[in-house]
Amino acid sequence: MTDQYDINKLIAEAKKDLPPGADDVPLLGQQVPVLQGIPVNGGLMTIHDLVKLTEEEFRELFLATVISMTGAMYSPAPPPAEDLDSDEQE
């Protein structure tokens, strides 16, 4: 392996500009969360909110997430129209 790709050297070079202690890994339970929840409709949806969703709501949220990851904008489909033929047959 060449010195150019020596992993220990690359790690040391990456850490040299960090302040002391910045490269330490916090112990379990001491991490500071970076993301408090998923931004949905102008608010934050936490894991507790996700658990409360119905299956249909979760599927819609999942679809909206995938669509937004592609750079597109999600717009929910209109509710299905009532069966108009049933009124005519009566």
C-alpha atoms as a PDB file:
ATOM      1  CA  MET A   1       0.000   0.000   0.000  1.00  0.00           C
ATOM      2  CA  THR A   2       1.322   3.414  -0.858  1.00  0.00           C
ATOM      3  CA  ASP A   3       1.752   6.166   1.698  1.00  0.00           C
ATOM      4  CA  GLN A   4      -0.882   8.186  -0.204  1.00  0.00           C
ATOM      5  CA  TYR A   5      -3.616   5.711   0.821  1.00  0.00           C
ATOM      6  CA  ASP A   6      -2.414   4.935   4.381  1.00  0.00           C
ATOM      7  CA  ILE A   7      -5.640   5.076   6.406  1.00  0.00           C
ATOM      8  CA  ASN A   8      -3.914   6.023   9.659  1.00  0.00           C
ATOM      9  CA  LYS A   9      -2.172   8.930   7.946  1.00  0.00           C
ATOM     10  CA  LEU A  10      -5.429  10.097   6.347  1.00  0.00           C
ATOM     11  CA  ILE A  11      -7.243   9.989   9.706  1.00  0.00           C
ATOM     12  CA  ALA A  12      -4.419  11.873  11.433  1.00  0.00           C
ATOM     13  CA  GLU A  13      -4.473  14.570   8.755  1.00  0.00           C
ATOM     14  CA  ALA A  14      -8.243  14.924   9.037  1.00  0.00           C
ATOM     15  CA  LYS A  15      -8.042  15.317  12.823  1.00  0.00           C
ATOM     16  CA  LYS A  16      -5.157  17.802  12.956  1.00  0.00           C
ATOM     17  CA  ASP A  17      -7.385  20.891  12.523  1.00  0.00           C
ATOM     18  CA  LEU A  18     -10.043  19.776  15.041  1.00  0.00           C
ATOM     19  CA  PRO A  19     -10.128  21.339  18.515  1.00  0.00           C
ATOM     20  CA  PRO A  20      -9.013  19.048  21.361  1.00  0.00           C
ATOM     21  CA  GLY A  21     -11.678  16.506  22.310  1.00  0.00           C
ATOM     22  CA  ALA A  22     -13.711  17.045  19.135  1.00  0.00           C
ATOM     23  CA  ASP A  23     -12.689  13.675  17.763  1.00  0.00           C
ATOM     24  CA  ASP A  24     -13.929  11.780  20.831  1.00  0.00           C
ATOM     25  CA  VAL A  25     -16.995   9.593  20.414  1.00  0.00           C
ATOM     26  CA  PRO A  26     -19.635  10.356  23.063  1.00  0.00           C
ATOM     27  CA  LEU A  27     -20.795   7.511  25.274  1.00  0.00           C
ATOM     28  CA  LEU A  28     -24.215   5.968  24.727  1.00  0.00           C
ATOM     29  CA  GLY A  29     -26.895   8.253  26.131  1.00  0.00           C
ATOM     30  CA  GLN A  30     -24.653  11.332  25.983  1.00  0.00           C
ATOM     31  CA  GLN A  31     -25.082  12.121  22.304  1.00  0.00           C
ATOM     32  CA  VAL A  32     -26.763  15.375  21.389  1.00  0.00           C
ATOM     33  CA  PRO A  33     -29.486  14.806  18.798  1.00  0.00           C
ATOM     34  CA  VAL A  34     -28.966  16.664  15.565  1.00  0.00           C
ATOM     35  CA  LEU A  35     -32.482  16.136  14.244  1.00  0.00           C
ATOM     36  CA  GLN A  36     -35.405  16.387  16.651  1.00  0.00           C
ATOM     37  CA  GLY A  37     -37.957  15.077  14.158  1.00  0.00           C
ATOM     38  CA  ILE A  38     -39.136  15.100  10.569  1.00  0.00           C
ATOM     39  CA  PRO A  39     -40.366  18.476   9.276  1.00  0.00           C
ATOM     40  CA  VAL A  40     -43.996  17.953   8.272  1.00  0.00           C
ATOM     41  CA  ASN A  41     -46.584  20.663   7.577  1.00  0.00           C
ATOM     42  CA  GLY A  42     -44.596  23.410   9.293  1.00  0.00           C
ATOM     43  CA  GLY A  43     -43.925  21.373  12.453  1.00  0.00           C
ATOM     44  CA  LEU A  44     -41.696  18.558  13.629  1.00  0.00           C
ATOM     45  CA  MET A  45     -43.039  15.004  13.634  1.00  0.00           C
ATOM     46  CA  THR A  46     -41.318  12.874  16.258  1.00  0.00           C
ATOM     47  CA  ILE A  47     -41.118   9.103  16.457  1.00  0.00           C
ATOM     48  CA  HIS A  48     -44.060   9.204  18.867  1.00  0.00           C
ATOM     49  CA  ASP A  49     -46.143  10.985  16.220  1.00  0.00           C
ATOM     50  CA  LEU A  50     -45.103   8.418  13.609  1.00  0.00           C
ATOM     51  CA  VAL A  51     -46.263   5.545  15.803  1.00  0.00           C
ATOM     52  CA  LYS A  52     -49.710   7.147  16.115  1.00  0.00           C
ATOM     53  CA  LEU A  53     -50.215   7.329  12.328  1.00  0.00           C
ATOM     54  CA  THR A  54     -52.677   5.021  10.639  1.00  0.00           C
ATOM     55  CA  GLU A  55     -51.306   2.722   7.965  1.00  0.00           C
ATOM     56  CA  GLU A  56     -52.744   4.933   5.224  1.00  0.00           C
ATOM     57  CA  GLU A  57     -51.213   8.096   6.750  1.00  0.00           C
ATOM     58  CA  PHE A  58     -47.842   6.380   7.111  1.00  0.00           C
ATOM     59  CA  ARG A  59     -47.916   5.232   3.475  1.00  0.00           C
ATOM     60  CA  GLU A  60     -48.706   8.781   2.350  1.00  0.00           C
ATOM     61  CA  LEU A  61     -45.859  10.184   4.484  1.00  0.00           C
ATOM     62  CA  PHE A  62     -43.479   7.562   3.081  1.00  0.00           C
ATOM     63  CA  LEU A  63     -44.507   8.413  -0.491  1.00  0.00           C
ATOM     64  CA  ALA A  64     -44.130  12.142   0.189  1.00  0.00           C
ATOM     65  CA  THR A  65     -40.651  11.540   1.635  1.00  0.00           C
ATOM     66  CA  VAL A  66     -39.508   9.549  -1.388  1.00  0.00           C
ATOM     67  CA  ILE A  67     -40.898  12.176  -3.768  1.00  0.00           C
ATOM     68  CA  SER A  68     -39.189  15.029  -1.886  1.00  0.00           C
ATOM     69  CA  MET A  69     -35.874  13.143  -1.949  1.00  0.00           C
ATOM     70  CA  THR A  70     -36.053  13.211  -5.748  1.00  0.00           C
ATOM     71  CA  GLY A  71     -36.380  16.999  -5.642  1.00  0.00           C
ATOM     72  CA  ALA A  72     -40.042  17.024  -6.603  1.00  0.00           C
ATOM     73  CA  MET A  73     -42.917  18.440  -4.581  1.00  0.00           C
ATOM     74  CA  TYR A  74     -45.583  16.123  -3.185  1.00  0.00           C
ATOM     75  CA  SER A  75     -49.224  17.033  -3.554  1.00  0.00           C
ATOM     76  CA  PRO A  76     -51.790  14.643  -2.112  1.00  0.00           C
ATOM     77  CA  ALA A  77     -54.268  13.144  -4.533  1.00  0.00           C
ATOM     78  CA  PRO A  78     -57.877  14.273  -4.223  1.00  0.00           C
ATOM     79  CA  PRO A  79     -60.142  11.891  -2.333  1.00  0.00           C
ATOM     80  CA  PRO A  80     -61.748   9.253  -4.551  1.00  0.00           C
ATOM     81  CA  ALA A  81     -65.022  10.376  -6.122  1.00  0.00           C
ATOM     82  CA  GLU A  82     -68.161   8.650  -4.915  1.00  0.00           C
ATOM     83  CA  ASP A  83     -69.618   6.078  -7.247  1.00  0.00           C
ATOM     84  CA  LEU A  84     -72.001   8.120  -9.414  1.00  0.00           C
ATOM     85  CA  ASP A  85     -73.407   5.057 -11.163  1.00  0.00           C
ATOM     86  CA  SER A  86     -75.008   3.777  -7.951  1.00  0.00           C
ATOM     87  CA  ASP A  87     -77.453   6.749  -7.858  1.00  0.00           C
ATOM     88  CA  GLU A  88     -78.518   6.182 -11.452  1.00  0.00           C
ATOM     89  CA  GLN A  89     -79.216   2.483 -10.961  1.00  0.00           C
ATOM     90  CA  GLU A  90     -81.627   3.025  -8.038  1.00  0.00           C
END
